Amino acid sequence: MPTFTYQGTTRSGQRVTGERIAPNKQALQIVLRREQIQATRIQQKGKEIALPSFSRGKVSPKDLAVFFRQFSVMIDAGLPLVQCLELIGGNQENPAFARSLGSVRGTVEGGATLANAMRQHPKVFDELTTNMIEAGETGGILDTILQRLSVHIEKIVKLRAAVKSALIYPVTVIGFTVLIVFFLLWKIVPIFTTLFASLNATLPLPTVIVIRLSTFIGTFWYLLLGSPIVIWLAIRQMRKTPKGRFAFDNAMLKMPKIGPVLRKIAIARFTRTLGTLISSGVPILDGLAITARTSGNAVIEQALMRVRRAVETGRTIIDPLRDSGIFPNMVVQMIGAGEQTGAMDAMLQKIGDFYEEEVDNAIKNLLAMLEPVMIMILGVAVGGIVISMYLPLFSLLAQMSQQVH
């Protein structure tokens, strides 16, 4: 059997290290847990240096949706929890997911709950998932919760796919436009510039502007190629700070045409997530906190945390939602009606369905508006360069014609 080195902490917080012989990492983890040692690192001796795995921790939402659906069917059929995890993990094609499921199975075998075992893998199982699993275990409805999780993830995946597919066309057109213009200015315009210089042609203003742009690109092409990367890194660095993330998300929500679509996406995600949590037995205060942290938008997150604090003081949810200024009046009224009738989870799911359709329609309308605009930009950019290069030639031909006559 292989030898493993391990690091961990005892219940008193003391750090411990050592070597053990065990069949695998999961078995050693169980042994250490029985000795009240929480392992923080387990490495097989002789394999300390390993090639980096780019798929490590990369588990797609689609993989999770399939996993929860299979898990639900097995639990409903009466299979033991550990056996379900062993069967699904053994047939898992994603190696990162298989390792995570193997670790979860080992932790559950050691006596931990499924929710706590999943909490040790936050990159795979988020807070929403673990809280719903915990509610399902407590209420004895784990199969139902797993089914709800799979449906919830499938709807989120569908929403993301709709947004991504809608972005493919405009991004492709804009990318080709930039490449064509860059190529014309970098390679084609200098040929005409040399020709005009040899003919001592008088250049009109549009031609002068294009030639200067071509000269700039030919001299500082590395700046133009590197600027998108610099901008992307700057935005990424800015979003790492709370203030920067809030400013960026707030600016995106205020953008014309795009902002309303992003707001509808956020509302659809908020209502869908909160409705799923409440229907699974998660308290509303915990549900609001989880929904805020998983909203994906700092403005929505702050608004929901203010709503949570107001509800915590005894207020109804409808007033702080209206005061936030983020959610439309229709959404606030429907949530208020759901709160009064005791059917808030069902009302939230209906709002989520409605806004998912609204997102689809908004994206279609946005694309219908952008298509002629992008074609016009492409025509103006390429056509403008071509015409500006031929203007001096027209002038030369006119002069030659006058000289002949």
Protein backbone atom coordinates (compact mmCIF):
# COMPACT_ATOMS: atom_id res chain seq x y z
CA MET A 1 0.00 0.00 0.00
CA PRO A 2 1.22 3.54 -0.69
CA THR A 3 2.56 5.90 1.96
CA PHE A 4 0.93 9.30 2.43
CA THR A 5 2.17 12.46 4.13
CA TYR A 6 -0.48 14.60 5.79
CA GLN A 7 -0.99 17.92 7.52
CA GLY A 8 -3.93 18.80 9.71
CA THR A 9 -5.26 20.34 12.90
CA THR A 10 -6.62 18.78 16.06
CA ARG A 11 -9.83 19.89 17.80
CA SER A 12 -7.72 22.15 20.03
CA GLY A 13 -6.24 23.87 16.96
CA GLN A 14 -2.78 22.27 17.18
CA ARG A 15 -1.08 21.66 13.82
CA VAL A 16 0.09 18.10 13.21
CA THR A 17 2.04 16.39 10.41
CA GLY A 18 3.05 12.82 9.76
CA GLU A 19 3.18 9.79 7.48
CA ARG A 20 0.69 6.93 7.23
CA ILE A 21 0.22 3.83 5.10
CA ALA A 22 -3.29 3.60 3.65
CA PRO A 23 -5.08 2.16 0.60
CA ASN A 24 -6.01 5.64 -0.66
CA LYS A 25 -6.50 9.25 0.41
CA GLN A 26 -10.15 8.76 1.35
CA ALA A 27 -9.31 5.87 3.69
CA LEU A 28 -6.59 7.90 5.39
CA GLN A 29 -8.99 10.83 5.75
CA ILE A 30 -11.48 8.58 7.56
CA VAL A 31 -8.77 7.27 9.92
CA LEU A 32 -7.58 10.79 10.75
CA ARG A 33 -11.13 11.97 11.38
CA ARG A 34 -11.66 9.14 13.87
CA GLU A 35 -8.55 10.42 15.63
CA GLN A 36 -10.17 13.90 15.66
CA ILE A 37 -7.67 15.30 13.16
CA GLN A 38 -9.01 17.54 10.41
CA ALA A 39 -6.73 16.92 7.40
CA THR A 40 -5.80 20.02 5.42
CA ARG A 41 -3.39 18.30 3.02
CA ILE A 42 -2.83 14.66 2.05
CA GLN A 43 -0.17 13.79 -0.54
CA GLN A 44 1.07 10.40 -1.69
CA LYS A 45 4.76 10.12 -0.97
CA GLY A 46 6.88 10.13 -4.12
CA LYS A 47 4.26 12.10 -6.04
CA GLU A 48 4.76 15.48 -4.42
CA ILE A 49 5.79 16.95 -7.78
CA ALA A 50 2.96 16.62 -10.25
CA LEU A 51 2.05 18.31 -13.44
CA PRO A 52 -0.61 20.99 -12.98
CA SER A 53 -4.11 19.87 -13.81
CA PHE A 54 -5.97 22.55 -15.72
CA SER A 55 -9.27 20.77 -15.16
CA ARG A 56 -8.87 20.70 -11.40
CA GLY A 57 -11.97 22.04 -9.75
CA LYS A 58 -13.58 22.73 -13.15
CA VAL A 59 -17.04 21.26 -12.86
CA SER A 60 -19.62 22.63 -15.26
CA PRO A 61 -23.21 23.40 -14.21
CA LYS A 62 -24.36 20.80 -16.72
CA ASP A 63 -22.34 18.11 -14.89
CA LEU A 64 -23.91 19.20 -11.61
CA ALA A 65 -27.44 19.11 -13.04
CA VAL A 66 -26.94 15.55 -14.33
CA PHE A 67 -25.37 14.51 -11.02
CA PHE A 68 -28.26 15.80 -8.91
CA ARG A 69 -30.85 14.20 -11.19
CA GLN A 70 -29.10 10.81 -11.02
CA PHE A 71 -28.59 11.19 -7.29
CA SER A 72 -32.29 11.97 -6.80
CA VAL A 73 -33.40 8.87 -8.72
CA MET A 74 -31.04 6.60 -6.74
CA ILE A 75 -32.10 8.02 -3.36
CA ASP A 76 -35.76 7.67 -4.34
CA ALA A 77 -35.08 4.02 -5.28
CA GLY A 78 -33.80 3.39 -1.74
CA LEU A 79 -30.07 3.03 -2.38
CA PRO A 80 -27.76 3.98 0.51
CA LEU A 81 -26.15 7.40 0.33
CA VAL A 82 -22.57 6.12 0.17
CA GLN A 83 -23.43 3.63 -2.56
CA CYS A 84 -25.07 6.36 -4.63
CA LEU A 85 -21.94 8.51 -4.41
CA GLU A 86 -19.72 5.53 -5.24
CA LEU A 87 -21.77 4.58 -8.32
CA ILE A 88 -22.04 8.11 -9.71
CA GLY A 89 -18.41 8.95 -8.92
CA GLY A 90 -17.17 5.75 -10.52
CA ASN A 91 -19.01 6.52 -13.77
CA GLN A 92 -18.10 10.22 -13.80
CA GLU A 93 -16.19 11.26 -16.94
CA ASN A 94 -14.95 14.53 -15.44
CA PRO A 95 -11.85 13.56 -13.39
CA ALA A 96 -12.07 16.67 -11.20
CA PHE A 97 -15.69 15.92 -10.35
CA ALA A 98 -14.87 12.25 -9.75
CA ARG A 99 -12.16 13.21 -7.24
CA SER A 100 -14.54 15.55 -5.44
CA LEU A 101 -17.28 12.92 -5.24
CA GLY A 102 -14.77 10.38 -3.96
CA SER A 103 -13.72 12.78 -1.22
CA VAL A 104 -17.37 13.49 -0.33
CA ARG A 105 -18.08 9.76 -0.14
CA GLY A 106 -15.09 9.24 2.17
CA THR A 107 -16.20 12.08 4.44
CA VAL A 108 -19.76 10.72 4.63
CA GLU A 109 -18.38 7.26 5.46
CA GLY A 110 -16.53 8.89 8.34
CA GLY A 111 -19.84 10.01 9.86
CA ALA A 112 -20.31 13.51 8.44
CA THR A 113 -23.55 14.71 6.90
CA LEU A 114 -23.76 15.05 3.13
CA ALA A 115 -24.06 18.85 3.40
CA ASN A 116 -20.95 19.17 5.57
CA ALA A 117 -19.03 16.82 3.28
CA MET A 118 -19.96 18.97 0.28
CA ARG A 119 -18.95 22.15 2.14
CA GLN A 120 -15.35 20.94 1.98
CA HIS A 121 -15.50 21.48 -1.81
CA PRO A 122 -16.77 25.07 -2.23
CA LYS A 123 -15.51 25.28 -5.81
CA VAL A 124 -17.87 22.46 -6.79
CA PHE A 125 -20.81 22.81 -4.38
CA ASP A 126 -21.74 26.42 -3.65
CA GLU A 127 -23.49 27.77 -0.58
CA LEU A 128 -26.92 27.51 -2.16
CA THR A 129 -26.42 23.80 -2.85
CA THR A 130 -25.10 22.89 0.58
CA ASN A 131 -27.86 24.78 2.41
CA MET A 132 -30.55 23.08 0.34
CA ILE A 133 -28.94 19.67 0.93
CA GLU A 134 -28.85 20.39 4.66
CA ALA A 135 -32.54 21.34 4.64
CA GLY A 136 -33.34 18.15 2.71
CA GLU A 137 -31.42 15.98 5.16
CA THR A 138 -33.08 17.64 8.14
CA GLY A 139 -36.58 17.33 6.68
CA GLY A 140 -36.13 13.82 5.28
CA ILE A 141 -36.84 14.96 1.72
CA LEU A 142 -33.36 14.69 0.23
CA ASP A 143 -34.62 13.13 -3.03
CA THR A 144 -37.04 16.02 -3.56
CA ILE A 145 -34.36 18.61 -2.82
CA LEU A 146 -31.97 16.95 -5.26
CA GLN A 147 -34.67 17.04 -7.93
CA ARG A 148 -35.28 20.74 -7.27
CA LEU A 149 -31.56 21.43 -7.44
CA SER A 150 -31.27 19.76 -10.84
CA VAL A 151 -34.24 21.73 -12.20
CA HIS A 152 -32.85 24.98 -10.75
CA ILE A 153 -29.39 24.45 -12.27
CA GLU A 154 -30.88 23.45 -15.64
CA LYS A 155 -32.88 26.69 -15.76
CA ILE A 156 -29.83 28.77 -14.82
CA VAL A 157 -27.80 26.96 -17.52
CA LYS A 158 -30.56 27.65 -20.05
CA LEU A 159 -30.55 31.35 -19.14
CA ARG A 160 -26.76 31.58 -19.47
CA ALA A 161 -26.82 29.70 -22.77
CA ALA A 162 -29.39 32.12 -24.16
CA VAL A 163 -27.22 35.10 -23.23
CA LYS A 164 -24.03 33.52 -24.62
CA SER A 165 -25.65 32.49 -27.90
CA ALA A 166 -27.03 35.99 -28.30
CA LEU A 167 -23.55 37.48 -27.87
CA ILE A 168 -21.89 35.27 -30.48
CA TYR A 169 -23.19 37.18 -33.52
CA PRO A 170 -22.38 40.76 -32.44
CA VAL A 171 -18.99 39.79 -31.01
CA THR A 172 -18.11 37.95 -34.24
CA VAL A 173 -19.14 40.88 -36.45
CA ILE A 174 -17.30 43.42 -34.31
CA GLY A 175 -14.21 41.22 -34.22
CA PHE A 176 -14.13 40.80 -38.00
CA THR A 177 -14.68 44.54 -38.46
CA VAL A 178 -11.72 45.36 -36.24
CA LEU A 179 -9.49 42.82 -38.01
CA ILE A 180 -10.43 44.05 -41.49
CA VAL A 181 -9.89 47.71 -40.59
CA PHE A 182 -6.59 46.88 -38.88
CA PHE A 183 -5.37 44.92 -41.93
CA LEU A 184 -6.36 47.69 -44.35
CA LEU A 185 -4.63 50.37 -42.32
CA TRP A 186 -1.54 48.26 -41.62
CA LYS A 187 -0.86 46.67 -45.06
CA ILE A 188 -2.98 48.23 -47.82
CA VAL A 189 -2.92 51.96 -47.01
CA PRO A 190 0.93 52.17 -46.97
CA ILE A 191 0.94 50.96 -50.61
CA PHE A 192 -1.30 53.85 -51.63
CA THR A 193 0.77 56.24 -49.51
CA THR A 194 3.92 55.32 -51.44
CA LEU A 195 2.04 55.74 -54.72
CA PHE A 196 0.73 59.19 -53.79
CA ALA A 197 4.19 60.31 -52.71
CA SER A 198 5.71 59.24 -56.05
CA LEU A 199 3.00 61.12 -57.97
CA ASN A 200 3.19 64.26 -55.76
CA ALA A 201 -0.58 64.10 -55.47
CA THR A 202 -2.54 66.65 -53.47
CA LEU A 203 -4.30 64.72 -50.71
CA PRO A 204 -7.78 65.61 -49.46
CA LEU A 205 -8.52 65.72 -45.72
CA PRO A 206 -10.13 62.21 -45.46
CA THR A 207 -7.07 60.67 -47.14
CA VAL A 208 -4.69 62.55 -44.82
CA ILE A 209 -6.60 61.30 -41.76
CA VAL A 210 -6.51 57.67 -42.95
CA ILE A 211 -2.79 57.87 -43.80
CA ARG A 212 -2.01 59.27 -40.35
CA LEU A 213 -4.02 56.49 -38.74
CA SER A 214 -2.10 53.97 -40.85
CA THR A 215 1.22 55.52 -39.81
CA PHE A 216 0.21 55.40 -36.16
CA ILE A 217 -0.81 51.73 -36.40
CA GLY A 218 2.37 50.84 -38.25
CA THR A 219 4.47 52.50 -35.54
CA PHE A 220 2.52 51.62 -32.40
CA TRP A 221 0.80 48.36 -33.43
CA TYR A 222 1.94 46.68 -30.21
CA LEU A 223 -0.01 49.25 -28.18
CA LEU A 224 -3.20 48.50 -30.08
CA LEU A 225 -2.76 44.75 -29.70
CA GLY A 226 -1.88 45.05 -26.01
CA SER A 227 -4.52 47.60 -25.03
CA PRO A 228 -7.44 45.10 -24.87
CA ILE A 229 -5.38 42.89 -22.57
CA VAL A 230 -4.45 45.86 -20.37
CA ILE A 231 -8.07 47.00 -20.19
CA TRP A 232 -9.23 43.48 -19.33
CA LEU A 233 -6.60 43.14 -16.58
CA ALA A 234 -7.49 46.59 -15.22
CA ILE A 235 -11.20 45.73 -15.04
CA ARG A 236 -10.39 42.38 -13.45
CA GLN A 237 -8.18 44.06 -10.85
CA MET A 238 -10.80 46.72 -10.17
CA ARG A 239 -13.49 44.08 -9.61
CA LYS A 240 -11.35 42.47 -6.90
CA THR A 241 -12.10 45.43 -4.60
CA PRO A 242 -15.64 45.95 -3.19
CA LYS A 243 -15.81 49.58 -4.33
CA GLY A 244 -14.47 48.77 -7.79
CA ARG A 245 -16.85 45.85 -8.24
CA PHE A 246 -19.81 47.97 -7.15
CA ALA A 247 -18.83 50.82 -9.49
CA PHE A 248 -18.40 48.47 -12.46
CA ASP A 249 -21.67 46.59 -11.87
CA ASN A 250 -23.55 49.85 -11.30
CA ALA A 251 -22.19 51.27 -14.56
CA MET A 252 -23.23 48.12 -16.43
CA LEU A 253 -26.79 48.37 -15.06
CA LYS A 254 -27.01 52.00 -16.19
CA MET A 255 -25.84 51.34 -19.75
CA PRO A 256 -28.52 52.12 -22.36
CA LYS A 257 -30.23 49.06 -23.87
CA ILE A 258 -27.81 46.63 -22.18
CA GLY A 259 -28.55 47.74 -18.60
CA PRO A 260 -32.26 46.75 -18.65
CA VAL A 261 -31.37 43.31 -20.01
CA LEU A 262 -28.79 42.78 -17.22
CA ARG A 263 -31.37 43.91 -14.65
CA LYS A 264 -33.91 41.39 -15.95
CA ILE A 265 -31.28 38.63 -15.84
CA ALA A 266 -30.48 39.55 -12.21
CA ILE A 267 -34.17 39.58 -11.23
CA ALA A 268 -34.77 36.21 -12.91
CA ARG A 269 -31.81 34.71 -11.07
CA PHE A 270 -32.80 36.27 -7.72
CA THR A 271 -36.42 35.10 -7.81
CA ARG A 272 -35.52 31.64 -9.10
CA THR A 273 -32.84 31.11 -6.43
CA LEU A 274 -34.85 32.51 -3.49
CA GLY A 275 -37.95 30.56 -4.55
CA THR A 276 -35.98 27.32 -4.71
CA LEU A 277 -34.44 27.93 -1.27
CA ILE A 278 -37.74 28.79 0.43
CA SER A 279 -39.54 25.81 -1.13
CA SER A 280 -36.73 23.59 0.19
CA GLY A 281 -37.26 24.73 3.77
CA VAL A 282 -34.40 27.23 4.08
CA PRO A 283 -35.41 30.19 6.34
CA ILE A 284 -36.05 33.43 4.46
CA LEU A 285 -33.23 35.30 6.23
CA ASP A 286 -30.72 32.63 5.24
CA GLY A 287 -32.26 32.51 1.77
CA LEU A 288 -31.84 36.27 1.28
CA ALA A 289 -28.21 36.11 2.44
CA ILE A 290 -27.40 33.19 0.12
CA THR A 291 -29.23 34.78 -2.80
CA ALA A 292 -27.34 38.04 -2.27
CA ARG A 293 -23.94 36.32 -2.25
CA THR A 294 -24.76 34.29 -5.37
CA SER A 295 -26.42 37.12 -7.32
CA GLY A 296 -23.31 37.88 -9.38
CA ASN A 297 -23.89 41.65 -9.16
CA ALA A 298 -22.60 43.88 -6.33
CA VAL A 299 -25.51 46.35 -6.66
CA ILE A 300 -28.11 43.56 -6.35
CA GLU A 301 -26.10 42.02 -3.51
CA GLN A 302 -26.09 45.24 -1.45
CA ALA A 303 -29.79 45.80 -2.11
CA LEU A 304 -30.69 42.26 -0.95
CA MET A 305 -28.54 42.57 2.17
CA ARG A 306 -30.41 45.79 3.06
CA VAL A 307 -33.68 43.91 2.52
CA ARG A 308 -32.44 41.12 4.79
CA ARG A 309 -31.54 43.56 7.58
CA ALA A 310 -34.97 45.17 7.31
CA VAL A 311 -36.74 41.79 7.47
CA GLU A 312 -34.55 40.84 10.43
CA THR A 313 -35.95 43.84 12.36
CA GLY A 314 -39.52 42.62 11.81
CA ARG A 315 -40.55 44.46 8.64
CA THR A 316 -42.29 42.73 5.76
CA ILE A 317 -40.23 42.04 2.65
CA ILE A 318 -42.30 44.24 0.35
CA ASP A 319 -41.30 47.66 1.76
CA PRO A 320 -37.48 47.21 1.71
CA LEU A 321 -37.73 45.69 -1.77
CA ARG A 322 -39.57 48.77 -3.00
CA ASP A 323 -37.16 51.12 -1.20
CA SER A 324 -34.15 49.49 -2.88
CA GLY A 325 -35.11 50.97 -6.25
CA ILE A 326 -33.76 47.89 -8.02
CA PHE A 327 -36.87 45.79 -8.44
CA PRO A 328 -39.84 46.84 -10.60
CA ASN A 329 -43.16 47.59 -8.92
CA MET A 330 -44.78 44.50 -10.45
CA VAL A 331 -42.15 42.22 -8.90
CA VAL A 332 -42.57 43.88 -5.49
CA GLN A 333 -46.36 43.56 -5.60
CA MET A 334 -46.26 39.88 -6.64
CA ILE A 335 -43.76 39.03 -3.88
CA GLY A 336 -45.93 40.94 -1.39
CA ALA A 337 -48.98 38.97 -2.51
CA GLY A 338 -47.05 35.74 -2.11
CA GLU A 339 -45.95 36.77 1.39
CA GLN A 340 -49.53 37.53 2.45
CA THR A 341 -50.94 34.28 1.07
CA GLY A 342 -48.09 32.12 2.34
CA ALA A 343 -47.14 31.05 -1.18
CA MET A 344 -44.04 33.17 -1.70
CA ASP A 345 -42.00 30.28 -3.12
CA ALA A 346 -44.57 29.59 -5.85
CA MET A 347 -44.88 33.31 -6.62
CA LEU A 348 -41.10 33.69 -6.88
CA GLN A 349 -40.93 30.77 -9.31
CA LYS A 350 -43.65 32.36 -11.47
CA ILE A 351 -41.75 35.65 -11.49
CA GLY A 352 -38.61 33.75 -12.47
CA ASP A 353 -40.42 32.07 -15.37
CA PHE A 354 -41.85 35.41 -16.51
CA TYR A 355 -38.51 37.21 -16.43
CA GLU A 356 -36.69 34.40 -18.20
CA GLU A 357 -39.13 34.89 -21.09
CA GLU A 358 -38.58 38.65 -20.78
CA VAL A 359 -34.82 38.11 -21.08
CA ASP A 360 -35.30 36.04 -24.25
CA ASN A 361 -37.52 38.73 -25.81
CA ALA A 362 -35.20 41.55 -24.71
CA ILE A 363 -32.17 39.81 -26.23
CA LYS A 364 -34.02 39.19 -29.50
CA ASN A 365 -35.08 42.85 -29.67
CA LEU A 366 -31.56 44.01 -28.85
CA LEU A 367 -30.08 41.83 -31.60
CA ALA A 368 -32.68 43.06 -34.08
CA MET A 369 -31.63 46.61 -33.29
CA LEU A 370 -27.88 45.90 -33.29
CA GLU A 371 -27.78 44.01 -36.59
CA PRO A 372 -28.35 47.01 -38.91
CA VAL A 373 -26.15 49.19 -36.69
CA MET A 374 -23.24 46.75 -36.93
CA ILE A 375 -23.65 46.39 -40.69
CA MET A 376 -23.66 50.17 -41.02
CA ILE A 377 -20.50 50.47 -38.87
CA LEU A 378 -18.78 47.80 -40.98
CA GLY A 379 -19.78 49.54 -44.21
CA VAL A 380 -18.75 52.99 -43.01
CA ALA A 381 -15.39 51.81 -41.65
CA VAL A 382 -14.32 49.73 -44.65
CA GLY A 383 -16.02 51.91 -47.26
CA GLY A 384 -14.60 55.08 -45.74
CA ILE A 385 -11.03 53.76 -45.97
CA VAL A 386 -11.48 52.57 -49.56
CA ILE A 387 -13.08 55.82 -50.75
CA SER A 388 -10.46 57.98 -49.01
CA MET A 389 -7.72 56.07 -50.84
CA TYR A 390 -9.37 56.53 -54.23
CA LEU A 391 -10.15 60.25 -53.85
CA PRO A 392 -6.59 61.37 -54.83
CA LEU A 393 -6.67 59.00 -57.81
CA PHE A 394 -9.88 60.63 -59.03
CA SER A 395 -8.23 64.05 -58.70
CA LEU A 396 -5.17 62.87 -60.67
CA LEU A 397 -7.33 61.40 -63.42
CA ALA A 398 -9.26 64.67 -63.67
CA GLN A 399 -6.00 66.65 -63.96
CA MET A 400 -4.67 64.28 -66.64
CA SER A 401 -7.92 64.61 -68.58
CA GLN A 402 -7.70 68.41 -68.53
CA GLN A 403 -4.09 68.28 -69.73
CA VAL A 404 -5.03 66.03 -72.65
CA HIS A 405 -7.78 68.39 -73.75
